[in-house]
Amino acid sequence: MYEINVSEINANEINVSEIILVGEEMEDIIEVRKLLYKIVALVKQTIIKPKGHMNITATQGMMIHMVGKNNQMKVSELSEALGLSNSTVSGIIDRLEKQNILERIRSEEDRRVVYVKLHPEFKNSACDNFKAQEDFLDNILHKASEEELEKIVETIGILERLLNEAKNKV
């Protein structure tokens, strides 16, 4: 499984048990990676998609998130935040308006200023979908024992800490 060129090894520099440990550690890392991919796929299949999956791009998703977080935003603010031209952002807004996800509102003080906000229909359905997703996940987690829940919380907490540490180094 692991190739080692014996002619390049100085007996004083390396310990065979260290080679085995590195190999086993790498296998564990690969297993964690596989499990994470499987978990993400299962979450998408069982929680997210069945509850109103939309065909949107990553940029559209970022725009929806930003507008929802800020309640409403000017087109120029969205352009700046996304690093896109006003015309590109307007095109994206056009497509999201056709899907009743976003809506444009002209400022009453200055008719040249256009705000974008979540369409009320989408906002209501998004809240309903989010609640349904939470309920679904809660039902799944209620099937776990108290000990299993503690392990899940501990393990996810460790993963969160590692990801935050990695994020802070970037």
N, C-alpha and C. Protein backbone atom coordinates (compact mmCIF):
# COMPACT_ATOMS: atom_id res chain seq x y z
N MET A 1 0.82 -1.19 0.00
CA MET A 1 0.00 0.00 0.00
C MET A 1 0.86 1.26 0.00
N TYR A 2 1.92 1.29 0.80
CA TYR A 2 2.81 2.44 0.88
C TYR A 2 4.17 2.05 0.35
N GLU A 3 4.68 2.82 -0.63
CA GLU A 3 6.00 2.53 -1.20
C GLU A 3 7.05 3.37 -0.49
N ILE A 4 8.11 2.71 -0.10
CA ILE A 4 9.21 3.40 0.57
C ILE A 4 10.49 2.95 -0.10
N ASN A 5 11.28 3.90 -0.56
CA ASN A 5 12.57 3.60 -1.17
C ASN A 5 13.57 3.44 -0.05
N VAL A 6 13.93 2.21 0.24
CA VAL A 6 14.80 1.89 1.37
C VAL A 6 16.17 2.54 1.22
N SER A 7 16.66 2.70 0.02
CA SER A 7 17.99 3.28 -0.17
C SER A 7 18.04 4.74 0.26
N GLU A 8 16.87 5.41 0.34
CA GLU A 8 16.85 6.82 0.71
C GLU A 8 16.62 7.02 2.21
N ILE A 9 16.43 5.94 2.96
CA ILE A 9 16.10 6.06 4.38
C ILE A 9 17.34 5.89 5.22
N ASN A 10 17.52 6.84 6.12
CA ASN A 10 18.58 6.75 7.12
C ASN A 10 17.90 6.22 8.38
N ALA A 11 18.38 5.13 8.90
CA ALA A 11 17.75 4.47 10.05
C ALA A 11 17.61 5.40 11.25
N ASN A 12 18.50 6.40 11.38
CA ASN A 12 18.43 7.32 12.50
C ASN A 12 17.34 8.38 12.31
N GLU A 13 16.86 8.54 11.08
CA GLU A 13 15.91 9.62 10.79
C GLU A 13 14.45 9.21 10.87
N ILE A 14 14.16 7.92 10.73
CA ILE A 14 12.76 7.53 10.63
C ILE A 14 12.49 6.27 11.45
N ASN A 15 11.30 6.18 11.97
CA ASN A 15 10.88 5.06 12.78
C ASN A 15 9.74 4.36 12.02
N VAL A 16 9.80 3.05 11.89
CA VAL A 16 8.79 2.30 11.15
C VAL A 16 7.40 2.54 11.74
N SER A 17 7.29 2.63 13.06
CA SER A 17 5.98 2.85 13.67
C SER A 17 5.42 4.21 13.25
N GLU A 18 6.29 5.19 12.97
CA GLU A 18 5.83 6.50 12.49
C GLU A 18 5.26 6.38 11.09
N ILE A 19 5.87 5.53 10.26
CA ILE A 19 5.35 5.32 8.91
C ILE A 19 3.95 4.72 8.98
N ILE A 20 3.77 3.74 9.84
CA ILE A 20 2.46 3.10 9.99
C ILE A 20 1.44 4.10 10.52
N LEU A 21 1.84 4.92 11.49
CA LEU A 21 0.93 5.91 12.06
C LEU A 21 0.50 6.91 10.99
N VAL A 22 1.47 7.38 10.20
CA VAL A 22 1.13 8.33 9.14
C VAL A 22 0.17 7.68 8.16
N GLY A 23 0.41 6.42 7.80
CA GLY A 23 -0.48 5.71 6.89
C GLY A 23 -1.87 5.56 7.45
N GLU A 24 -1.98 5.16 8.73
CA GLU A 24 -3.29 5.00 9.37
C GLU A 24 -3.98 6.36 9.51
N GLU A 25 -3.21 7.39 9.86
CA GLU A 25 -3.78 8.73 10.00
C GLU A 25 -4.33 9.20 8.66
N MET A 26 -3.60 8.95 7.58
CA MET A 26 -4.07 9.34 6.25
C MET A 26 -5.34 8.60 5.89
N GLU A 27 -5.40 7.31 6.23
CA GLU A 27 -6.62 6.54 5.97
C GLU A 27 -7.80 7.14 6.73
N ASP A 28 -7.58 7.56 7.98
CA ASP A 28 -8.64 8.19 8.77
C ASP A 28 -9.08 9.51 8.14
N ILE A 29 -8.11 10.28 7.66
CA ILE A 29 -8.44 11.56 7.02
C ILE A 29 -9.27 11.33 5.77
N ILE A 30 -8.87 10.35 4.98
CA ILE A 30 -9.63 10.01 3.76
C ILE A 30 -11.04 9.55 4.13
N GLU A 31 -11.16 8.77 5.19
CA GLU A 31 -12.48 8.29 5.64
C GLU A 31 -13.35 9.46 6.10
N VAL A 32 -12.77 10.41 6.83
CA VAL A 32 -13.52 11.60 7.27
C VAL A 32 -14.00 12.38 6.05
N ARG A 33 -13.12 12.56 5.09
CA ARG A 33 -13.48 13.29 3.87
C ARG A 33 -14.64 12.60 3.16
N LYS A 34 -14.57 11.27 3.01
CA LYS A 34 -15.64 10.52 2.36
C LYS A 34 -16.96 10.68 3.12
N LEU A 35 -16.89 10.58 4.45
CA LEU A 35 -18.10 10.73 5.26
C LEU A 35 -18.71 12.12 5.12
N LEU A 36 -17.87 13.13 5.10
CA LEU A 36 -18.38 14.50 4.94
C LEU A 36 -19.10 14.66 3.61
N TYR A 37 -18.51 14.16 2.53
CA TYR A 37 -19.15 14.23 1.22
C TYR A 37 -20.49 13.51 1.24
N LYS A 38 -20.53 12.33 1.87
CA LYS A 38 -21.77 11.57 1.94
C LYS A 38 -22.82 12.32 2.75
N ILE A 39 -22.40 12.92 3.87
CA ILE A 39 -23.34 13.66 4.72
C ILE A 39 -23.91 14.85 3.97
N VAL A 40 -23.04 15.61 3.30
CA VAL A 40 -23.52 16.77 2.53
C VAL A 40 -24.52 16.31 1.48
N ALA A 41 -24.21 15.23 0.76
CA ALA A 41 -25.13 14.72 -0.27
C ALA A 41 -26.46 14.29 0.35
N LEU A 42 -26.40 13.59 1.49
CA LEU A 42 -27.63 13.15 2.16
C LEU A 42 -28.47 14.33 2.65
N VAL A 43 -27.81 15.36 3.17
CA VAL A 43 -28.54 16.55 3.62
C VAL A 43 -29.24 17.19 2.43
N LYS A 44 -28.55 17.29 1.30
CA LYS A 44 -29.17 17.88 0.10
C LYS A 44 -30.36 17.03 -0.36
N GLN A 45 -30.20 15.70 -0.34
CA GLN A 45 -31.24 14.81 -0.84
C GLN A 45 -32.44 14.72 0.09
N THR A 46 -32.21 14.70 1.39
CA THR A 46 -33.30 14.43 2.33
C THR A 46 -33.89 15.67 2.98
N ILE A 47 -33.12 16.74 3.05
CA ILE A 47 -33.62 17.91 3.78
C ILE A 47 -33.85 19.09 2.85
N ILE A 48 -32.88 19.41 2.03
CA ILE A 48 -32.96 20.64 1.24
C ILE A 48 -33.80 20.47 -0.02
N LYS A 49 -33.45 19.54 -0.90
CA LYS A 49 -34.14 19.42 -2.19
C LYS A 49 -35.63 19.14 -2.08
N PRO A 50 -36.06 18.18 -1.27
CA PRO A 50 -37.50 17.89 -1.25
C PRO A 50 -38.36 19.06 -0.78
N LYS A 51 -37.77 20.00 -0.10
CA LYS A 51 -38.54 21.10 0.47
C LYS A 51 -38.40 22.36 -0.40
N GLY A 52 -38.73 22.27 -1.65
CA GLY A 52 -38.77 23.46 -2.50
C GLY A 52 -37.44 23.80 -3.13
N HIS A 53 -36.78 22.82 -3.72
CA HIS A 53 -35.50 23.08 -4.39
C HIS A 53 -35.70 24.03 -5.57
N MET A 54 -34.82 24.99 -5.69
CA MET A 54 -34.87 25.94 -6.79
C MET A 54 -33.61 25.76 -7.63
N ASN A 55 -33.75 26.00 -8.91
CA ASN A 55 -32.60 25.97 -9.79
C ASN A 55 -32.01 27.37 -9.85
N ILE A 56 -31.08 27.64 -8.96
CA ILE A 56 -30.43 28.95 -8.95
C ILE A 56 -28.91 28.74 -8.95
N THR A 57 -28.22 29.75 -9.46
CA THR A 57 -26.77 29.70 -9.49
C THR A 57 -26.20 30.13 -8.14
N ALA A 58 -24.92 29.92 -7.98
CA ALA A 58 -24.26 30.33 -6.74
C ALA A 58 -24.37 31.85 -6.56
N THR A 59 -24.18 32.59 -7.64
CA THR A 59 -24.27 34.06 -7.56
C THR A 59 -25.67 34.50 -7.18
N GLN A 60 -26.67 33.85 -7.77
CA GLN A 60 -28.06 34.17 -7.41
C GLN A 60 -28.32 33.85 -5.94
N GLY A 61 -27.79 32.72 -5.49
CA GLY A 61 -27.94 32.34 -4.09
C GLY A 61 -27.30 33.36 -3.16
N MET A 62 -26.11 33.83 -3.53
CA MET A 62 -25.44 34.85 -2.72
C MET A 62 -26.27 36.13 -2.69
N MET A 63 -26.83 36.50 -3.84
CA MET A 63 -27.64 37.71 -3.90
C MET A 63 -28.88 37.58 -3.02
N ILE A 64 -29.56 36.45 -3.12
CA ILE A 64 -30.76 36.22 -2.30
C ILE A 64 -30.40 36.29 -0.82
N HIS A 65 -29.29 35.67 -0.45
CA HIS A 65 -28.85 35.68 0.95
C HIS A 65 -28.57 37.11 1.42
N MET A 66 -27.84 37.87 0.60
CA MET A 66 -27.48 39.24 0.99
C MET A 66 -28.71 40.13 1.14
N VAL A 67 -29.63 40.02 0.19
CA VAL A 67 -30.84 40.84 0.25
C VAL A 67 -31.67 40.44 1.47
N GLY A 68 -31.80 39.15 1.70
CA GLY A 68 -32.57 38.69 2.86
C GLY A 68 -31.96 39.14 4.18
N LYS A 69 -30.64 39.10 4.24
CA LYS A 69 -29.93 39.49 5.47
C LYS A 69 -30.07 40.98 5.74
N ASN A 70 -30.09 41.78 4.67
CA ASN A 70 -30.14 43.23 4.81
C ASN A 70 -31.54 43.82 4.65
N ASN A 71 -32.53 42.98 4.46
CA ASN A 71 -33.92 43.38 4.26
C ASN A 71 -34.15 43.98 2.87
N GLN A 72 -33.33 44.94 2.49
CA GLN A 72 -33.37 45.49 1.14
C GLN A 72 -32.01 46.12 0.85
N MET A 73 -31.68 46.17 -0.44
CA MET A 73 -30.39 46.75 -0.84
C MET A 73 -30.57 47.49 -2.16
N LYS A 74 -29.74 48.50 -2.36
CA LYS A 74 -29.71 49.18 -3.65
C LYS A 74 -29.00 48.27 -4.65
N VAL A 75 -29.37 48.42 -5.91
CA VAL A 75 -28.70 47.65 -6.96
C VAL A 75 -27.21 47.93 -6.93
N SER A 76 -26.84 49.18 -6.73
CA SER A 76 -25.42 49.55 -6.70
C SER A 76 -24.69 48.90 -5.52
N GLU A 77 -25.36 48.74 -4.38
CA GLU A 77 -24.76 48.07 -3.23
C GLU A 77 -24.53 46.59 -3.52
N LEU A 78 -25.51 45.97 -4.18
CA LEU A 78 -25.36 44.57 -4.57
C LEU A 78 -24.21 44.41 -5.56
N SER A 79 -24.12 45.31 -6.51
CA SER A 79 -23.05 45.26 -7.51
C SER A 79 -21.69 45.32 -6.83
N GLU A 80 -21.56 46.26 -5.91
CA GLU A 80 -20.29 46.43 -5.20
C GLU A 80 -19.98 45.21 -4.34
N ALA A 81 -20.96 44.72 -3.62
CA ALA A 81 -20.75 43.59 -2.71
C ALA A 81 -20.39 42.32 -3.48
N LEU A 82 -20.99 42.13 -4.65
CA LEU A 82 -20.74 40.93 -5.44
C LEU A 82 -19.57 41.09 -6.41
N GLY A 83 -19.10 42.32 -6.56
CA GLY A 83 -17.99 42.57 -7.49
C GLY A 83 -18.43 42.43 -8.94
N LEU A 84 -19.66 42.80 -9.23
CA LEU A 84 -20.21 42.68 -10.58
C LEU A 84 -20.70 44.04 -11.05
N SER A 85 -20.83 44.20 -12.35
CA SER A 85 -21.33 45.46 -12.89
C SER A 85 -22.82 45.61 -12.58
N ASN A 86 -23.31 46.86 -12.62
CA ASN A 86 -24.73 47.11 -12.38
C ASN A 86 -25.59 46.38 -13.41
N SER A 87 -25.13 46.34 -14.67
CA SER A 87 -25.93 45.68 -15.71
C SER A 87 -26.01 44.17 -15.47
N THR A 88 -24.92 43.56 -15.02
CA THR A 88 -24.94 42.13 -14.72
C THR A 88 -25.89 41.85 -13.57
N VAL A 89 -25.81 42.66 -12.51
CA VAL A 89 -26.69 42.48 -11.36
C VAL A 89 -28.15 42.69 -11.77
N SER A 90 -28.41 43.66 -12.63
CA SER A 90 -29.78 43.90 -13.11
C SER A 90 -30.31 42.69 -13.86
N GLY A 91 -29.46 42.06 -14.67
CA GLY A 91 -29.88 40.85 -15.39
C GLY A 91 -30.22 39.72 -14.44
N ILE A 92 -29.42 39.57 -13.39
CA ILE A 92 -29.69 38.53 -12.40
C ILE A 92 -31.01 38.83 -11.67
N ILE A 93 -31.20 40.10 -11.33
CA ILE A 93 -32.44 40.50 -10.65
C ILE A 93 -33.64 40.23 -11.55
N ASP A 94 -33.50 40.52 -12.86
CA ASP A 94 -34.60 40.24 -13.81
C ASP A 94 -35.03 38.78 -13.73
N ARG A 95 -34.05 37.87 -13.74
CA ARG A 95 -34.38 36.44 -13.70
C ARG A 95 -35.02 36.05 -12.37
N LEU A 96 -34.52 36.63 -11.27
CA LEU A 96 -35.08 36.30 -9.96
C LEU A 96 -36.46 36.94 -9.76
N GLU A 97 -36.71 38.06 -10.42
CA GLU A 97 -38.04 38.67 -10.37
C GLU A 97 -39.06 37.78 -11.09
N LYS A 98 -38.66 37.21 -12.23
CA LYS A 98 -39.56 36.33 -12.98
C LYS A 98 -39.96 35.11 -12.16
N GLN A 99 -39.09 34.70 -11.22
CA GLN A 99 -39.38 33.54 -10.37
C GLN A 99 -40.06 33.95 -9.06
N ASN A 100 -40.41 35.22 -8.93
CA ASN A 100 -41.01 35.76 -7.70
C ASN A 100 -40.14 35.53 -6.47
N ILE A 101 -38.83 35.70 -6.67
CA ILE A 101 -37.89 35.58 -5.56
C ILE A 101 -37.49 36.96 -5.05
N LEU A 102 -37.20 37.87 -5.97
CA LEU A 102 -36.86 39.25 -5.62
C LEU A 102 -37.85 40.20 -6.27
N GLU A 103 -37.92 41.40 -5.73
CA GLU A 103 -38.71 42.46 -6.36
C GLU A 103 -37.97 43.77 -6.25
N ARG A 104 -38.16 44.62 -7.26
CA ARG A 104 -37.56 45.95 -7.28
C ARG A 104 -38.56 46.95 -6.72
N ILE A 105 -38.04 47.91 -5.96
CA ILE A 105 -38.88 48.98 -5.41
C ILE A 105 -38.13 50.29 -5.61
N ARG A 106 -38.79 51.25 -6.22
CA ARG A 106 -38.18 52.57 -6.44
C ARG A 106 -38.29 53.40 -5.16
N SER A 107 -37.23 54.14 -4.89
CA SER A 107 -37.22 55.02 -3.72
C SER A 107 -38.24 56.13 -3.94
N GLU A 108 -38.99 56.44 -2.90
CA GLU A 108 -39.97 57.54 -3.00
C GLU A 108 -39.28 58.89 -2.98
N GLU A 109 -38.09 58.96 -2.34
CA GLU A 109 -37.36 60.22 -2.25
C GLU A 109 -36.62 60.53 -3.55
N ASP A 110 -36.08 59.50 -4.17
CA ASP A 110 -35.29 59.68 -5.39
C ASP A 110 -35.63 58.54 -6.34
N ARG A 111 -36.43 58.82 -7.35
CA ARG A 111 -36.94 57.80 -8.26
C ARG A 111 -35.83 57.10 -9.04
N ARG A 112 -34.61 57.68 -9.03
CA ARG A 112 -33.49 57.03 -9.74
C ARG A 112 -32.93 55.86 -8.93
N VAL A 113 -33.18 55.84 -7.63
CA VAL A 113 -32.66 54.81 -6.76
C VAL A 113 -33.63 53.62 -6.74
N VAL A 114 -33.08 52.44 -6.99
CA VAL A 114 -33.89 51.22 -7.00
C VAL A 114 -33.40 50.31 -5.89
N TYR A 115 -34.32 49.86 -5.07
CA TYR A 115 -34.02 48.90 -4.01
C TYR A 115 -34.50 47.51 -4.45
N VAL A 116 -33.84 46.52 -3.91
CA VAL A 116 -34.23 45.13 -4.18
C VAL A 116 -34.52 44.49 -2.84
N LYS A 117 -35.62 43.76 -2.78
CA LYS A 117 -35.96 43.03 -1.55
C LYS A 117 -36.55 41.69 -1.92
N LEU A 118 -36.65 40.81 -0.94
CA LEU A 118 -37.26 39.51 -1.19
C LEU A 118 -38.74 39.68 -1.48
N HIS A 119 -39.21 38.96 -2.46
CA HIS A 119 -40.63 38.97 -2.79
C HIS A 119 -41.39 38.34 -1.61
N PRO A 120 -42.49 38.95 -1.17
CA PRO A 120 -43.22 38.42 0.00
C PRO A 120 -43.60 36.95 -0.16
N GLU A 121 -43.99 36.56 -1.37
CA GLU A 121 -44.36 35.16 -1.63
C GLU A 121 -43.18 34.23 -1.35
N PHE A 122 -42.00 34.64 -1.84
CA PHE A 122 -40.80 33.83 -1.62
C PHE A 122 -40.42 33.83 -0.14
N LYS A 123 -40.50 34.98 0.49
CA LYS A 123 -40.14 35.10 1.90
C LYS A 123 -40.98 34.16 2.75
N ASN A 124 -42.29 34.12 2.47
CA ASN A 124 -43.18 33.23 3.23
C ASN A 124 -42.86 31.77 2.97
N SER A 125 -42.66 31.41 1.70
CA SER A 125 -42.38 30.01 1.40
C SER A 125 -41.01 29.61 1.93
N ALA A 126 -40.05 30.53 1.91
CA ALA A 126 -38.72 30.23 2.43
C ALA A 126 -38.79 29.96 3.94
N CYS A 127 -39.59 30.75 4.65
CA CYS A 127 -39.77 30.54 6.09
C CYS A 127 -40.44 29.19 6.35
N ASP A 128 -41.47 28.88 5.55
CA ASP A 128 -42.15 27.59 5.70
C ASP A 128 -41.19 26.44 5.42
N ASN A 129 -40.39 26.57 4.36
CA ASN A 129 -39.43 25.52 4.01
C ASN A 129 -38.38 25.35 5.09
N PHE A 130 -37.89 26.47 5.61
CA PHE A 130 -36.87 26.41 6.66
C PHE A 130 -37.43 25.70 7.89
N LYS A 131 -38.66 26.02 8.27
CA LYS A 131 -39.30 25.38 9.42
C LYS A 131 -39.48 23.89 9.17
N ALA A 132 -39.88 23.52 7.96
CA ALA A 132 -40.06 22.10 7.63
C ALA A 132 -38.72 21.37 7.68
N GLN A 133 -37.66 22.02 7.22
CA GLN A 133 -36.33 21.42 7.27
C GLN A 133 -35.88 21.22 8.71
N GLU A 134 -36.11 22.22 9.55
CA GLU A 134 -35.76 22.09 10.97
C GLU A 134 -36.53 20.94 11.62
N ASP A 135 -37.83 20.86 11.34
CA ASP A 135 -38.66 19.80 11.92
C ASP A 135 -38.17 18.42 11.46
N PHE A 136 -37.83 18.30 10.17
CA PHE A 136 -37.35 17.04 9.64
C PHE A 136 -36.07 16.61 10.33
N LEU A 137 -35.13 17.55 10.48
CA LEU A 137 -33.86 17.25 11.14
C LEU A 137 -34.08 16.91 12.61
N ASP A 138 -34.96 17.64 13.27
CA ASP A 138 -35.27 17.35 14.67
C ASP A 138 -35.81 15.93 14.82
N ASN A 139 -36.69 15.52 13.91
CA ASN A 139 -37.26 14.16 13.97
C ASN A 139 -36.17 13.11 13.81
N ILE A 140 -35.22 13.37 12.94
CA ILE A 140 -34.10 12.44 12.75
C ILE A 140 -33.26 12.36 14.04
N LEU A 141 -32.93 13.51 14.59
CA LEU A 141 -32.06 13.55 15.77
C LEU A 141 -32.74 12.99 17.02
N HIS A 142 -34.06 13.04 17.08
CA HIS A 142 -34.78 12.46 18.22
C HIS A 142 -34.64 10.95 18.27
N LYS A 143 -34.24 10.34 17.16
CA LYS A 143 -34.05 8.89 17.11
C LYS A 143 -32.71 8.47 17.72
N ALA A 144 -31.82 9.44 17.92
CA ALA A 144 -30.51 9.15 18.51
C ALA A 144 -30.63 9.08 20.04
N SER A 145 -29.78 8.26 20.64
CA SER A 145 -29.75 8.20 22.10
C SER A 145 -29.07 9.46 22.62
N GLU A 146 -29.18 9.69 23.92
CA GLU A 146 -28.54 10.86 24.52
C GLU A 146 -27.03 10.79 24.33
N GLU A 147 -26.48 9.59 24.46
CA GLU A 147 -25.03 9.39 24.28
C GLU A 147 -24.62 9.70 22.84
N GLU A 148 -25.43 9.25 21.88
CA GLU A 148 -25.13 9.51 20.47
C GLU A 148 -25.20 11.01 20.17
N LEU A 149 -26.20 11.68 20.74
CA LEU A 149 -26.32 13.13 20.54
C LEU A 149 -25.11 13.86 21.09
N GLU A 150 -24.65 13.44 22.26
CA GLU A 150 -23.46 14.06 22.85
C GLU A 150 -22.25 13.88 21.94
N LYS A 151 -22.09 12.68 21.37
CA LYS A 151 -20.98 12.41 20.45
C LYS A 151 -21.09 13.26 19.19
N ILE A 152 -22.32 13.39 18.67
CA ILE A 152 -22.53 14.21 17.47
C ILE A 152 -22.15 15.65 17.76
N VAL A 153 -22.63 16.18 18.87
CA VAL A 153 -22.33 17.58 19.24
C VAL A 153 -20.82 17.77 19.41
N GLU A 154 -20.19 16.83 20.10
CA GLU A 154 -18.74 16.94 20.33
C GLU A 154 -17.98 16.88 19.00
N THR A 155 -18.33 15.94 18.16
CA THR A 155 -17.62 15.76 16.90
C THR A 155 -17.82 16.95 15.97
N ILE A 156 -19.05 17.41 15.84
CA ILE A 156 -19.32 18.56 14.98
C ILE A 156 -18.64 19.81 15.55
N GLY A 157 -18.60 19.91 16.88
CA GLY A 157 -17.89 21.03 17.51
C GLY A 157 -16.41 21.03 17.18
N ILE A 158 -15.81 19.87 17.19
CA ILE A 158 -14.39 19.75 16.83
C ILE A 158 -14.18 20.16 15.37
N LEU A 159 -15.05 19.66 14.49
CA LEU A 159 -14.94 20.00 13.07
C LEU A 159 -15.12 21.50 12.86
N GLU A 160 -16.07 22.09 13.56
CA GLU A 160 -16.29 23.53 13.44
C GLU A 160 -15.04 24.30 13.89
N ARG A 161 -14.45 23.88 15.00
CA ARG A 161 -13.25 24.55 15.50
C ARG A 161 -12.12 24.46 14.48
N LEU A 162 -11.91 23.29 13.92
CA LEU A 162 -10.84 23.11 12.92
C LEU A 162 -11.09 23.96 11.68
N LEU A 163 -12.34 24.00 11.23
CA LEU A 163 -12.66 24.82 10.06
C LEU A 163 -12.47 26.30 10.35
N ASN A 164 -12.86 26.75 11.55
CA ASN A 164 -12.66 28.15 11.91
C ASN A 164 -11.18 28.50 12.00
N GLU A 165 -10.38 27.59 12.56
CA GLU A 165 -8.94 27.83 12.63
C GLU A 165 -8.34 27.94 11.22
N ALA A 166 -8.78 27.07 10.33
CA ALA A 166 -8.29 27.11 8.94
C ALA A 166 -8.74 28.40 8.26
N LYS A 167 -9.99 28.82 8.49
CA LYS A 167 -10.52 30.03 7.89
C LYS A 167 -9.74 31.24 8.35
N ASN A 168 -9.40 31.28 9.63
CA ASN A 168 -8.67 32.42 10.19
C ASN A 168 -7.25 32.53 9.70
N LYS A 169 -6.70 31.41 9.19
CA LYS A 169 -5.33 31.43 8.67
C LYS A 169 -5.29 31.90 7.21
N VAL A 170 -6.44 31.91 6.56
CA VAL A 170 -6.50 32.30 5.14
C VAL A 170 -6.42 33.78 4.99
